[in-house]
Amino acid sequence: MKIAIPTNDRITLAERTGRAKEFVIVEIIDGQMISTQFITNLHEHHDHDENEEHGEHTHNELVESLQGIDLLVLKNIGKHLKDDLDKASIKYGKTNFSTVSEIQDFYKK
C-alpha cells in the first residue's frame, strides 16, 4: 500500500493539503515500511490571500503527482480538492493524527 501524507516539515501532518510544501509517500507491505520518499507539492500556492476567491480552481498538479498512490491521508479537505481527487479516482481519508509517524504506525498494523 502506498500512502501519501501532506506535510510542511516532514514531521507533522499539514492542516491544508493544497498548501502543503510536500508529500511523504510511504510504501507499506505486510506491516513493514518498504520505502519512504518526499515529493514537492507543485500546487502549493502560499501567495494567495486566505480570503481570496480563486474562481476556476483546480489541483491538477497535485493530482498528477499523486498518481499511483493507494490513499491520501489528510486532516481537512476542501470542495475543490475533493472534486479533483474524486475525478481522478484517488482515495483519501481524514485523520485526527497530527504526525507523520503516527500515521505510518497506524497503517503498519
PDB file of N, CA and C in Angstrom:
ATOM      1  N   MET A   1       0.834  -1.170   0.000  1.00  0.00           N
ATOM      2  CA  MET A   1       0.000   0.000   0.000  1.00  0.00           C
ATOM      3  C   MET A   1       0.882   1.239   0.000  1.00  0.00           C
ATOM      4  N   LYS A   2       0.588   2.165  -0.909  1.00  0.00           N
ATOM      5  CA  LYS A   2       1.300   3.439  -0.957  1.00  0.00           C
ATOM      6  C   LYS A   2       0.403   4.524  -0.395  1.00  0.00           C
ATOM      7  N   ILE A   3       0.919   5.224   0.612  1.00  0.00           N
ATOM      8  CA  ILE A   3       0.159   6.258   1.302  1.00  0.00           C
ATOM      9  C   ILE A   3       0.862   7.594   1.105  1.00  0.00           C
ATOM     10  N   ALA A   4       0.088   8.625   0.808  1.00  0.00           N
ATOM     11  CA  ALA A   4       0.618   9.985   0.696  1.00  0.00           C
ATOM     12  C   ALA A   4       0.152  10.792   1.905  1.00  0.00           C
ATOM     13  N   ILE A   5       1.077  11.549   2.493  1.00  0.00           N
ATOM     14  CA  ILE A   5       0.782  12.353   3.678  1.00  0.00           C
ATOM     15  C   ILE A   5       1.290  13.770   3.426  1.00  0.00           C
ATOM     16  N   PRO A   6       0.414  14.782   3.425  1.00  0.00           N
ATOM     17  CA  PRO A   6       0.863  16.156   3.216  1.00  0.00           C
ATOM     18  C   PRO A   6       1.592  16.685   4.454  1.00  0.00           C
ATOM     19  N   THR A   7       2.705  17.373   4.234  1.00  0.00           N
ATOM     20  CA  THR A   7       3.493  17.892   5.349  1.00  0.00           C
ATOM     21  C   THR A   7       4.230  19.163   4.931  1.00  0.00           C
ATOM     22  N   ASN A   8       4.549  19.973   5.911  1.00  0.00           N
ATOM     23  CA  ASN A   8       5.360  21.168   5.674  1.00  0.00           C
ATOM     24  C   ASN A   8       6.756  21.031   6.262  1.00  0.00           C
ATOM     25  N   ASP A   9       6.916  20.066   7.174  1.00  0.00           N
ATOM     26  CA  ASP A   9       8.179  19.947   7.896  1.00  0.00           C
ATOM     27  C   ASP A   9       8.700  18.517   8.009  1.00  0.00           C
ATOM     28  N   ARG A  10       8.046  17.591   7.324  1.00  0.00           N
ATOM     29  CA  ARG A  10       8.388  16.170   7.342  1.00  0.00           C
ATOM     30  C   ARG A  10       8.126  15.503   8.692  1.00  0.00           C
ATOM     31  N   ILE A  11       7.488  16.221   9.604  1.00  0.00           N
ATOM     32  CA  ILE A  11       7.182  15.678  10.929  1.00  0.00           C
ATOM     33  C   ILE A  11       5.683  15.673  11.191  1.00  0.00           C
ATOM     34  N   THR A  12       5.028  16.804  10.907  1.00  0.00           N
ATOM     35  CA  THR A  12       3.612  16.929  11.206  1.00  0.00           C
ATOM     36  C   THR A  12       2.761  16.900   9.942  1.00  0.00           C
ATOM     37  N   LEU A  13       1.509  16.499  10.135  1.00  0.00           N
ATOM     38  CA  LEU A  13       0.528  16.487   9.053  1.00  0.00           C
ATOM     39  C   LEU A  13       0.107  17.931   8.791  1.00  0.00           C
ATOM     40  N   ALA A  14       0.152  18.345   7.537  1.00  0.00           N
ATOM     41  CA  ALA A  14      -0.234  19.707   7.167  1.00  0.00           C
ATOM     42  C   ALA A  14      -1.730  19.899   7.362  1.00  0.00           C
ATOM     43  N   GLU A  15      -2.111  21.057   7.848  1.00  0.00           N
ATOM     44  CA  GLU A  15      -3.529  21.393   8.032  1.00  0.00           C
ATOM     45  C   GLU A  15      -4.233  21.567   6.687  1.00  0.00           C
ATOM     46  N   ARG A  16      -3.543  22.174   5.725  1.00  0.00           N
ATOM     47  CA  ARG A  16      -4.130  22.470   4.408  1.00  0.00           C
ATOM     48  C   ARG A  16      -3.374  21.667   3.361  1.00  0.00           C
ATOM     49  N   THR A  17      -4.001  20.653   2.823  1.00  0.00           N
ATOM     50  CA  THR A  17      -3.363  19.748   1.877  1.00  0.00           C
ATOM     51  C   THR A  17      -2.876  20.467   0.634  1.00  0.00           C
ATOM     52  N   GLY A  18      -3.699  21.316   0.056  1.00  0.00           N
ATOM     53  CA  GLY A  18      -3.322  22.025  -1.166  1.00  0.00           C
ATOM     54  C   GLY A  18      -2.164  22.975  -0.974  1.00  0.00           C
ATOM     55  N   ARG A  19      -1.962  23.424   0.252  1.00  0.00           N
ATOM     56  CA  ARG A  19      -0.875  24.365   0.544  1.00  0.00           C
ATOM     57  C   ARG A  19       0.336  23.699   1.190  1.00  0.00           C
ATOM     58  N   ALA A  20       0.289  22.385   1.335  1.00  0.00           N
ATOM     59  CA  ALA A  20       1.419  21.666   1.932  1.00  0.00           C
ATOM     60  C   ALA A  20       2.660  21.826   1.059  1.00  0.00           C
ATOM     61  N   LYS A  21       3.799  21.888   1.691  1.00  0.00           N
ATOM     62  CA  LYS A  21       5.072  22.032   0.980  1.00  0.00           C
ATOM     63  C   LYS A  21       5.392  20.777   0.169  1.00  0.00           C
ATOM     64  N   GLU A  22       5.108  19.613   0.755  1.00  0.00           N
ATOM     65  CA  GLU A  22       5.420  18.352   0.085  1.00  0.00           C
ATOM     66  C   GLU A  22       4.556  17.225   0.628  1.00  0.00           C
ATOM     67  N   PHE A  23       4.724  16.061   0.030  1.00  0.00           N
ATOM     68  CA  PHE A  23       4.036  14.853   0.465  1.00  0.00           C
ATOM     69  C   PHE A  23       5.075  13.798   0.812  1.00  0.00           C
ATOM     70  N   VAL A  24       4.838  13.099   1.920  1.00  0.00           N
ATOM     71  CA  VAL A  24       5.607  11.914   2.259  1.00  0.00           C
ATOM     72  C   VAL A  24       4.874  10.756   1.590  1.00  0.00           C
ATOM     73  N   ILE A  25       5.576   9.998   0.779  1.00  0.00           N
ATOM     74  CA  ILE A  25       4.993   8.815   0.152  1.00  0.00           C
ATOM     75  C   ILE A  25       5.613   7.606   0.836  1.00  0.00           C
ATOM     76  N   VAL A  26       4.772   6.838   1.512  1.00  0.00           N
ATOM     77  CA  VAL A  26       5.228   5.684   2.281  1.00  0.00           C
ATOM     78  C   VAL A  26       4.645   4.430   1.655  1.00  0.00           C
ATOM     79  N   GLU A  27       5.491   3.440   1.426  1.00  0.00           N
ATOM     80  CA  GLU A  27       5.013   2.155   0.931  1.00  0.00           C
ATOM     81  C   GLU A  27       5.123   1.141   2.053  1.00  0.00           C
ATOM     82  N   ILE A  28       3.984   0.516   2.365  1.00  0.00           N
ATOM     83  CA  ILE A  28       3.919  -0.465   3.443  1.00  0.00           C
ATOM     84  C   ILE A  28       3.387  -1.773   2.866  1.00  0.00           C
ATOM     85  N   ILE A  29       4.140  -2.848   3.112  1.00  0.00           N
ATOM     86  CA  ILE A  29       3.727  -4.176   2.663  1.00  0.00           C
ATOM     87  C   ILE A  29       3.853  -5.128   3.845  1.00  0.00           C
ATOM     88  N   ASP A  30       2.774  -5.847   4.121  1.00  0.00           N
ATOM     89  CA  ASP A  30       2.747  -6.823   5.216  1.00  0.00           C
ATOM     90  C   ASP A  30       3.255  -6.225   6.536  1.00  0.00           C
ATOM     91  N   GLY A  31       2.824  -5.012   6.828  1.00  0.00           N
ATOM     92  CA  GLY A  31       3.186  -4.381   8.092  1.00  0.00           C
ATOM     93  C   GLY A  31       4.591  -3.820   8.151  1.00  0.00           C
ATOM     94  N   GLN A  32       5.316  -3.887   7.056  1.00  0.00           N
ATOM     95  CA  GLN A  32       6.690  -3.368   7.017  1.00  0.00           C
ATOM     96  C   GLN A  32       6.770  -2.149   6.108  1.00  0.00           C
ATOM     97  N   MET A  33       7.456  -1.110   6.577  1.00  0.00           N
ATOM     98  CA  MET A  33       7.671   0.060   5.751  1.00  0.00           C
ATOM     99  C   MET A  33       8.782  -0.269   4.761  1.00  0.00           C
ATOM    100  N   ILE A  34       8.428  -0.309   3.479  1.00  0.00           N
ATOM    101  CA  ILE A  34       9.367  -0.696   2.427  1.00  0.00           C
ATOM    102  C   ILE A  34      10.171   0.504   1.930  1.00  0.00           C
ATOM    103  N   SER A  35       9.486   1.640   1.775  1.00  0.00           N
ATOM    104  CA  SER A  35      10.190   2.827   1.282  1.00  0.00           C
ATOM    105  C   SER A  35       9.479   4.093   1.728  1.00  0.00           C
ATOM    106  N   THR A  36      10.251   5.161   1.771  1.00  0.00           N
ATOM    107  CA  THR A  36       9.737   6.488   2.077  1.00  0.00           C
ATOM    108  C   THR A  36      10.394   7.454   1.110  1.00  0.00           C
ATOM    109  N   GLN A  37       9.587   8.306   0.500  1.00  0.00           N
ATOM    110  CA  GLN A  37      10.148   9.342  -0.374  1.00  0.00           C
ATOM    111  C   GLN A  37       9.352  10.620  -0.162  1.00  0.00           C
ATOM    112  N   PHE A  38       9.924  11.733  -0.571  1.00  0.00           N
ATOM    113  CA  PHE A  38       9.279  13.027  -0.434  1.00  0.00           C
ATOM    114  C   PHE A  38       9.137  13.633  -1.819  1.00  0.00           C
ATOM    115  N   ILE A  39       7.928  14.110  -2.126  1.00  0.00           N
ATOM    116  CA  ILE A  39       7.723  14.782  -3.403  1.00  0.00           C
ATOM    117  C   ILE A  39       7.178  16.183  -3.131  1.00  0.00           C
ATOM    118  N   THR A  40       7.674  17.136  -3.872  1.00  0.00           N
ATOM    119  CA  THR A  40       7.250  18.519  -3.739  1.00  0.00           C
ATOM    120  C   THR A  40       5.820  18.680  -4.230  1.00  0.00           C
ATOM    121  N   ASN A  41       5.040  19.442  -3.498  1.00  0.00           N
ATOM    122  CA  ASN A  41       3.687  19.767  -3.920  1.00  0.00           C
ATOM    123  C   ASN A  41       3.784  20.899  -4.928  1.00  0.00           C
ATOM    124  N   LEU A  42       3.614  20.596  -6.189  1.00  0.00           N
ATOM    125  CA  LEU A  42       3.726  21.599  -7.237  1.00  0.00           C
ATOM    126  C   LEU A  42       2.518  22.533  -7.255  1.00  0.00           C
ATOM    127  N   HIS A  43       1.501  22.203  -6.502  1.00  0.00           N
ATOM    128  CA  HIS A  43       0.298  23.036  -6.451  1.00  0.00           C
ATOM    129  C   HIS A  43       0.378  24.124  -5.386  1.00  0.00           C
ATOM    130  N   GLU A  44       1.272  23.974  -4.419  1.00  0.00           N
ATOM    131  CA  GLU A  44       1.246  24.900  -3.286  1.00  0.00           C
ATOM    132  C   GLU A  44       1.170  26.331  -3.784  1.00  0.00           C
ATOM    133  N   HIS A  45       0.307  27.101  -3.160  1.00  0.00           N
ATOM    134  CA  HIS A  45       0.097  28.483  -3.596  1.00  0.00           C
ATOM    135  C   HIS A  45      -0.004  29.391  -2.380  1.00  0.00           C
ATOM    136  N   HIS A  46       1.099  29.536  -1.692  1.00  0.00           N
ATOM    137  CA  HIS A  46       1.125  30.362  -0.485  1.00  0.00           C
ATOM    138  C   HIS A  46       0.953  31.842  -0.783  1.00  0.00           C
ATOM    139  N   ASP A  47       1.058  32.221  -2.052  1.00  0.00           N
ATOM    140  CA  ASP A  47       0.962  33.630  -2.379  1.00  0.00           C
ATOM    141  C   ASP A  47      -0.481  34.120  -2.427  1.00  0.00           C
ATOM    142  N   HIS A  48      -1.476  33.211  -2.366  1.00  0.00           N
ATOM    143  CA  HIS A  48      -2.871  33.635  -2.385  1.00  0.00           C
ATOM    144  C   HIS A  48      -3.288  34.119  -1.010  1.00  0.00           C
ATOM    145  N   ASP A  49      -4.085  35.153  -0.978  1.00  0.00           N
ATOM    146  CA  ASP A  49      -4.669  35.661   0.255  1.00  0.00           C
ATOM    147  C   ASP A  49      -5.657  34.626   0.774  1.00  0.00           C
ATOM    148  N   GLU A  50      -5.698  34.423   2.075  1.00  0.00           N
ATOM    149  CA  GLU A  50      -6.594  33.440   2.690  1.00  0.00           C
ATOM    150  C   GLU A  50      -8.047  33.651   2.274  1.00  0.00           C
ATOM    151  N   ASN A  51      -8.463  34.881   2.070  1.00  0.00           N
ATOM    152  CA  ASN A  51      -9.861  35.172   1.766  1.00  0.00           C
ATOM    153  C   ASN A  51     -10.111  35.385   0.280  1.00  0.00           C
ATOM    154  N   GLU A  52      -9.098  35.237  -0.519  1.00  0.00           N
ATOM    155  CA  GLU A  52      -9.228  35.473  -1.948  1.00  0.00           C
ATOM    156  C   GLU A  52     -10.081  34.396  -2.603  1.00  0.00           C
ATOM    157  N   GLU A  53     -10.975  34.815  -3.464  1.00  0.00           N
ATOM    158  CA  GLU A  53     -11.752  33.864  -4.246  1.00  0.00           C
ATOM    159  C   GLU A  53     -10.884  33.401  -5.402  1.00  0.00           C
ATOM    160  N   HIS A  54     -10.811  32.104  -5.589  1.00  0.00           N
ATOM    161  CA  HIS A  54      -9.951  31.566  -6.637  1.00  0.00           C
ATOM    162  C   HIS A  54     -10.659  31.439  -7.974  1.00  0.00           C
ATOM    163  N   GLY A  55     -11.970  31.542  -8.001  1.00  0.00           N
ATOM    164  CA  GLY A  55     -12.686  31.356  -9.254  1.00  0.00           C
ATOM    165  C   GLY A  55     -12.483  29.936  -9.740  1.00  0.00           C
ATOM    166  N   GLU A  56     -11.975  29.771 -10.963  1.00  0.00           N
ATOM    167  CA  GLU A  56     -11.656  28.460 -11.511  1.00  0.00           C
ATOM    168  C   GLU A  56     -10.472  27.938 -10.727  1.00  0.00           C
ATOM    169  N   HIS A  57     -10.694  26.951  -9.928  1.00  0.00           N
ATOM    170  CA  HIS A  57      -9.644  26.465  -9.026  1.00  0.00           C
ATOM    171  C   HIS A  57      -9.500  24.963  -9.215  1.00  0.00           C
ATOM    172  N   THR A  58      -8.328  24.536  -9.616  1.00  0.00           N
ATOM    173  CA  THR A  58      -8.078  23.107  -9.762  1.00  0.00           C
ATOM    174  C   THR A  58      -6.805  22.725  -9.024  1.00  0.00           C
ATOM    175  N   HIS A  59      -6.661  21.461  -8.805  1.00  0.00           N
ATOM    176  CA  HIS A  59      -5.479  20.902  -8.151  1.00  0.00           C
ATOM    177  C   HIS A  59      -4.794  19.922  -9.101  1.00  0.00           C
ATOM    178  N   ASN A  60      -4.757  20.255 -10.381  1.00  0.00           N
ATOM    179  CA  ASN A  60      -4.228  19.338 -11.392  1.00  0.00           C
ATOM    180  C   ASN A  60      -2.817  18.868 -11.089  1.00  0.00           C
ATOM    181  N   GLU A  61      -1.939  19.796 -10.686  1.00  0.00           N
ATOM    182  CA  GLU A  61      -0.546  19.417 -10.414  1.00  0.00           C
ATOM    183  C   GLU A  61      -0.470  18.451  -9.234  1.00  0.00           C
ATOM    184  N   LEU A  62      -1.256  18.736  -8.202  1.00  0.00           N
ATOM    185  CA  LEU A  62      -1.279  17.882  -7.018  1.00  0.00           C
ATOM    186  C   LEU A  62      -1.783  16.492  -7.386  1.00  0.00           C
ATOM    187  N   VAL A  63      -2.882  16.437  -8.121  1.00  0.00           N
ATOM    188  CA  VAL A  63      -3.470  15.151  -8.526  1.00  0.00           C
ATOM    189  C   VAL A  63      -2.490  14.360  -9.383  1.00  0.00           C
ATOM    190  N   GLU A  64      -1.835  15.014 -10.318  1.00  0.00           N
ATOM    191  CA  GLU A  64      -0.848  14.321 -11.167  1.00  0.00           C
ATOM    192  C   GLU A  64       0.267  13.710 -10.343  1.00  0.00           C
ATOM    193  N   SER A  65       0.758  14.456  -9.356  1.00  0.00           N
ATOM    194  CA  SER A  65       1.885  13.953  -8.567  1.00  0.00           C
ATOM    195  C   SER A  65       1.491  12.799  -7.655  1.00  0.00           C
ATOM    196  N   LEU A  66       0.192  12.626  -7.401  1.00  0.00           N
ATOM    197  CA  LEU A  66      -0.269  11.553  -6.524  1.00  0.00           C
ATOM    198  C   LEU A  66      -0.746  10.313  -7.278  1.00  0.00           C
ATOM    199  N   GLN A  67      -0.593  10.300  -8.579  1.00  0.00           N
ATOM    200  CA  GLN A  67      -0.979   9.115  -9.349  1.00  0.00           C
ATOM    201  C   GLN A  67      -0.161   7.919  -8.860  1.00  0.00           C
ATOM    202  N   GLY A  68      -0.832   6.795  -8.676  1.00  0.00           N
ATOM    203  CA  GLY A  68      -0.143   5.582  -8.244  1.00  0.00           C
ATOM    204  C   GLY A  68      -0.196   5.343  -6.748  1.00  0.00           C
ATOM    205  N   ILE A  69      -0.734   6.293  -5.986  1.00  0.00           N
ATOM    206  CA  ILE A  69      -0.870   6.038  -4.554  1.00  0.00           C
ATOM    207  C   ILE A  69      -2.190   5.313  -4.302  1.00  0.00           C
ATOM    208  N   ASP A  70      -2.254   4.645  -3.165  1.00  0.00           N
ATOM    209  CA  ASP A  70      -3.484   3.939  -2.786  1.00  0.00           C
ATOM    210  C   ASP A  70      -4.372   4.783  -1.878  1.00  0.00           C
ATOM    211  N   LEU A  71      -3.759   5.720  -1.137  1.00  0.00           N
ATOM    212  CA  LEU A  71      -4.531   6.505  -0.184  1.00  0.00           C
ATOM    213  C   LEU A  71      -3.803   7.804   0.141  1.00  0.00           C
ATOM    214  N   LEU A  72      -4.551   8.894   0.136  1.00  0.00           N
ATOM    215  CA  LEU A  72      -4.067  10.191   0.613  1.00  0.00           C
ATOM    216  C   LEU A  72      -4.672  10.393   1.992  1.00  0.00           C
ATOM    217  N   VAL A  73      -3.827  10.531   3.003  1.00  0.00           N
ATOM    218  CA  VAL A  73      -4.299  10.760   4.367  1.00  0.00           C
ATOM    219  C   VAL A  73      -4.192  12.249   4.636  1.00  0.00           C
ATOM    220  N   LEU A  74      -5.304  12.855   5.062  1.00  0.00           N
ATOM    221  CA  LEU A  74      -5.302  14.298   5.256  1.00  0.00           C
ATOM    222  C   LEU A  74      -6.131  14.698   6.459  1.00  0.00           C
ATOM    223  N   LYS A  75      -5.922  15.926   6.895  1.00  0.00           N
ATOM    224  CA  LYS A  75      -6.636  16.454   8.049  1.00  0.00           C
ATOM    225  C   LYS A  75      -7.935  17.122   7.616  1.00  0.00           C
ATOM    226  N   ASN A  76      -7.877  17.902   6.550  1.00  0.00           N
ATOM    227  CA  ASN A  76      -9.035  18.635   6.050  1.00  0.00           C
ATOM    228  C   ASN A  76      -9.081  18.517   4.542  1.00  0.00           C
ATOM    229  N   ILE A  77     -10.289  18.692   3.990  1.00  0.00           N
ATOM    230  CA  ILE A  77     -10.411  18.658   2.534  1.00  0.00           C
ATOM    231  C   ILE A  77     -11.457  19.683   2.104  1.00  0.00           C
ATOM    232  N   GLY A  78     -11.066  20.509   1.157  1.00  0.00           N
ATOM    233  CA  GLY A  78     -11.984  21.496   0.611  1.00  0.00           C
ATOM    234  C   GLY A  78     -12.756  20.916  -0.564  1.00  0.00           C
ATOM    235  N   LYS A  79     -13.796  21.627  -0.957  1.00  0.00           N
ATOM    236  CA  LYS A  79     -14.666  21.165  -2.035  1.00  0.00           C
ATOM    237  C   LYS A  79     -13.911  20.951  -3.342  1.00  0.00           C
ATOM    238  N   HIS A  80     -13.049  21.900  -3.705  1.00  0.00           N
ATOM    239  CA  HIS A  80     -12.331  21.799  -4.978  1.00  0.00           C
ATOM    240  C   HIS A  80     -11.377  20.598  -4.981  1.00  0.00           C
ATOM    241  N   LEU A  81     -10.642  20.409  -3.896  1.00  0.00           N
ATOM    242  CA  LEU A  81      -9.725  19.271  -3.818  1.00  0.00           C
ATOM    243  C   LEU A  81     -10.515  17.967  -3.826  1.00  0.00           C
ATOM    244  N   LYS A  82     -11.596  17.904  -3.064  1.00  0.00           N
ATOM    245  CA  LYS A  82     -12.425  16.701  -3.033  1.00  0.00           C
ATOM    246  C   LYS A  82     -12.907  16.349  -4.440  1.00  0.00           C
ATOM    247  N   ASP A  83     -13.411  17.340  -5.151  1.00  0.00           N
ATOM    248  CA  ASP A  83     -13.896  17.110  -6.520  1.00  0.00           C
ATOM    249  C   ASP A  83     -12.784  16.598  -7.426  1.00  0.00           C
ATOM    250  N   ASP A  84     -11.594  17.216  -7.340  1.00  0.00           N
ATOM    251  CA  ASP A  84     -10.483  16.813  -8.206  1.00  0.00           C
ATOM    252  C   ASP A  84      -9.979  15.414  -7.874  1.00  0.00           C
ATOM    253  N   LEU A  85      -9.912  15.062  -6.589  1.00  0.00           N
ATOM    254  CA  LEU A  85      -9.489  13.714  -6.198  1.00  0.00           C
ATOM    255  C   LEU A  85     -10.513  12.674  -6.648  1.00  0.00           C
ATOM    256  N   ASP A  86     -11.788  13.000  -6.481  1.00  0.00           N
ATOM    257  CA  ASP A  86     -12.846  12.082  -6.917  1.00  0.00           C
ATOM    258  C   ASP A  86     -12.775  11.847  -8.428  1.00  0.00           C
ATOM    259  N   LYS A  87     -12.576  12.906  -9.204  1.00  0.00           N
ATOM    260  CA  LYS A  87     -12.483  12.778 -10.662  1.00  0.00           C
ATOM    261  C   LYS A  87     -11.313  11.893 -11.069  1.00  0.00           C
ATOM    262  N   ALA A  88     -10.216  11.977 -10.305  1.00  0.00           N
ATOM    263  CA  ALA A  88      -9.017  11.195 -10.615  1.00  0.00           C
ATOM    264  C   ALA A  88      -9.034   9.814  -9.956  1.00  0.00           C
ATOM    265  N   SER A  89     -10.105   9.492  -9.240  1.00  0.00           N
ATOM    266  CA  SER A  89     -10.235   8.213  -8.526  1.00  0.00           C
ATOM    267  C   SER A  89      -9.109   7.992  -7.522  1.00  0.00           C
ATOM    268  N   ILE A  90      -8.692   9.064  -6.868  1.00  0.00           N
ATOM    269  CA  ILE A  90      -7.690   8.958  -5.804  1.00  0.00           C
ATOM    270  C   ILE A  90      -8.438   8.882  -4.481  1.00  0.00           C
ATOM    271  N   LYS A  91      -8.215   7.799  -3.751  1.00  0.00           N
ATOM    272  CA  LYS A  91      -8.879   7.610  -2.467  1.00  0.00           C
ATOM    273  C   LYS A  91      -8.203   8.473  -1.410  1.00  0.00           C
ATOM    274  N   TYR A  92      -8.996   8.976  -0.491  1.00  0.00           N
ATOM    275  CA  TYR A  92      -8.479   9.801   0.584  1.00  0.00           C
ATOM    276  C   TYR A  92      -9.226   9.479   1.858  1.00  0.00           C
ATOM    277  N   GLY A  93      -8.567   9.755   2.970  1.00  0.00           N
ATOM    278  CA  GLY A  93      -9.190   9.534   4.267  1.00  0.00           C
ATOM    279  C   GLY A  93      -8.741  10.594   5.239  1.00  0.00           C
ATOM    280  N   LYS A  94      -9.689  11.086   6.026  1.00  0.00           N
ATOM    281  CA  LYS A  94      -9.383  12.102   7.034  1.00  0.00           C
ATOM    282  C   LYS A  94      -8.894  11.414   8.304  1.00  0.00           C
ATOM    283  N   THR A  95      -7.998  12.094   9.008  1.00  0.00           N
ATOM    284  CA  THR A  95      -7.454  11.551  10.241  1.00  0.00           C
ATOM    285  C   THR A  95      -7.380  12.636  11.304  1.00  0.00           C
ATOM    286  N   ASN A  96      -7.330  12.198  12.535  1.00  0.00           N
ATOM    287  CA  ASN A  96      -7.102  13.116  13.655  1.00  0.00           C
ATOM    288  C   ASN A  96      -5.660  13.046  14.141  1.00  0.00           C
ATOM    289  N   PHE A  97      -4.864  12.138  13.561  1.00  0.00           N
ATOM    290  CA  PHE A  97      -3.449  12.086  13.921  1.00  0.00           C
ATOM    291  C   PHE A  97      -2.792  13.392  13.513  1.00  0.00           C
ATOM    292  N   SER A  98      -1.740  13.764  14.228  1.00  0.00           N
ATOM    293  CA  SER A  98      -1.083  15.029  13.906  1.00  0.00           C
ATOM    294  C   SER A  98       0.344  14.868  13.390  1.00  0.00           C
ATOM    295  N   THR A  99       0.901  13.663  13.474  1.00  0.00           N
ATOM    296  CA  THR A  99       2.271  13.479  12.993  1.00  0.00           C
ATOM    297  C   THR A  99       2.346  12.399  11.914  1.00  0.00           C
ATOM    298  N   VAL A 100       3.352  12.531  11.087  1.00  0.00           N
ATOM    299  CA  VAL A 100       3.602  11.557  10.024  1.00  0.00           C
ATOM    300  C   VAL A 100       3.867  10.180  10.636  1.00  0.00           C
ATOM    301  N   SER A 101       4.640  10.135  11.720  1.00  0.00           N
ATOM    302  CA  SER A 101       4.975   8.839  12.323  1.00  0.00           C
ATOM    303  C   SER A 101       3.748   8.142  12.894  1.00  0.00           C
ATOM    304  N   GLU A 102       2.787   8.880  13.470  1.00  0.00           N
ATOM    305  CA  GLU A 102       1.553   8.262  13.963  1.00  0.00           C
ATOM    306  C   GLU A 102       0.777   7.611  12.817  1.00  0.00           C
ATOM    307  N   ILE A 103       0.729   8.293  11.695  1.00  0.00           N
ATOM    308  CA  ILE A 103       0.020   7.761  10.528  1.00  0.00           C
ATOM    309  C   ILE A 103       0.727   6.517  10.008  1.00  0.00           C
ATOM    310  N   GLN A 104       2.055   6.584   9.909  1.00  0.00           N
ATOM    311  CA  GLN A 104       2.822   5.423   9.450  1.00  0.00           C
ATOM    312  C   GLN A 104       2.593   4.235  10.369  1.00  0.00           C
ATOM    313  N   ASP A 105       2.664   4.447  11.667  1.00  0.00           N
ATOM    314  CA  ASP A 105       2.464   3.363  12.624  1.00  0.00           C
ATOM    315  C   ASP A 105       1.071   2.758  12.522  1.00  0.00           C
ATOM    316  N   PHE A 106       0.060   3.595  12.336  1.00  0.00           N
ATOM    317  CA  PHE A 106      -1.314   3.120  12.204  1.00  0.00           C
ATOM    318  C   PHE A 106      -1.457   2.183  11.013  1.00  0.00           C
ATOM    319  N   TYR A 107      -0.876   2.543   9.875  1.00  0.00           N
ATOM    320  CA  TYR A 107      -1.040   1.734   8.661  1.00  0.00           C
ATOM    321  C   TYR A 107      -0.089   0.538   8.603  1.00  0.00           C
ATOM    322  N   LYS A 108       0.885   0.479   9.495  1.00  0.00           N
ATOM    323  CA  LYS A 108       1.746  -0.702   9.572  1.00  0.00           C
ATOM    324  C   LYS A 108       1.053  -1.854  10.283  1.00  0.00           C
ATOM    325  N   LYS A 109      -0.006  -1.565  11.015  1.00  0.00           N
ATOM    326  CA  LYS A 109      -0.720  -2.608  11.781  1.00  0.00           C
ATOM    327  C   LYS A 109      -1.565  -3.472  10.906  1.00  0.00           C
TER     328      LYS A 109
END
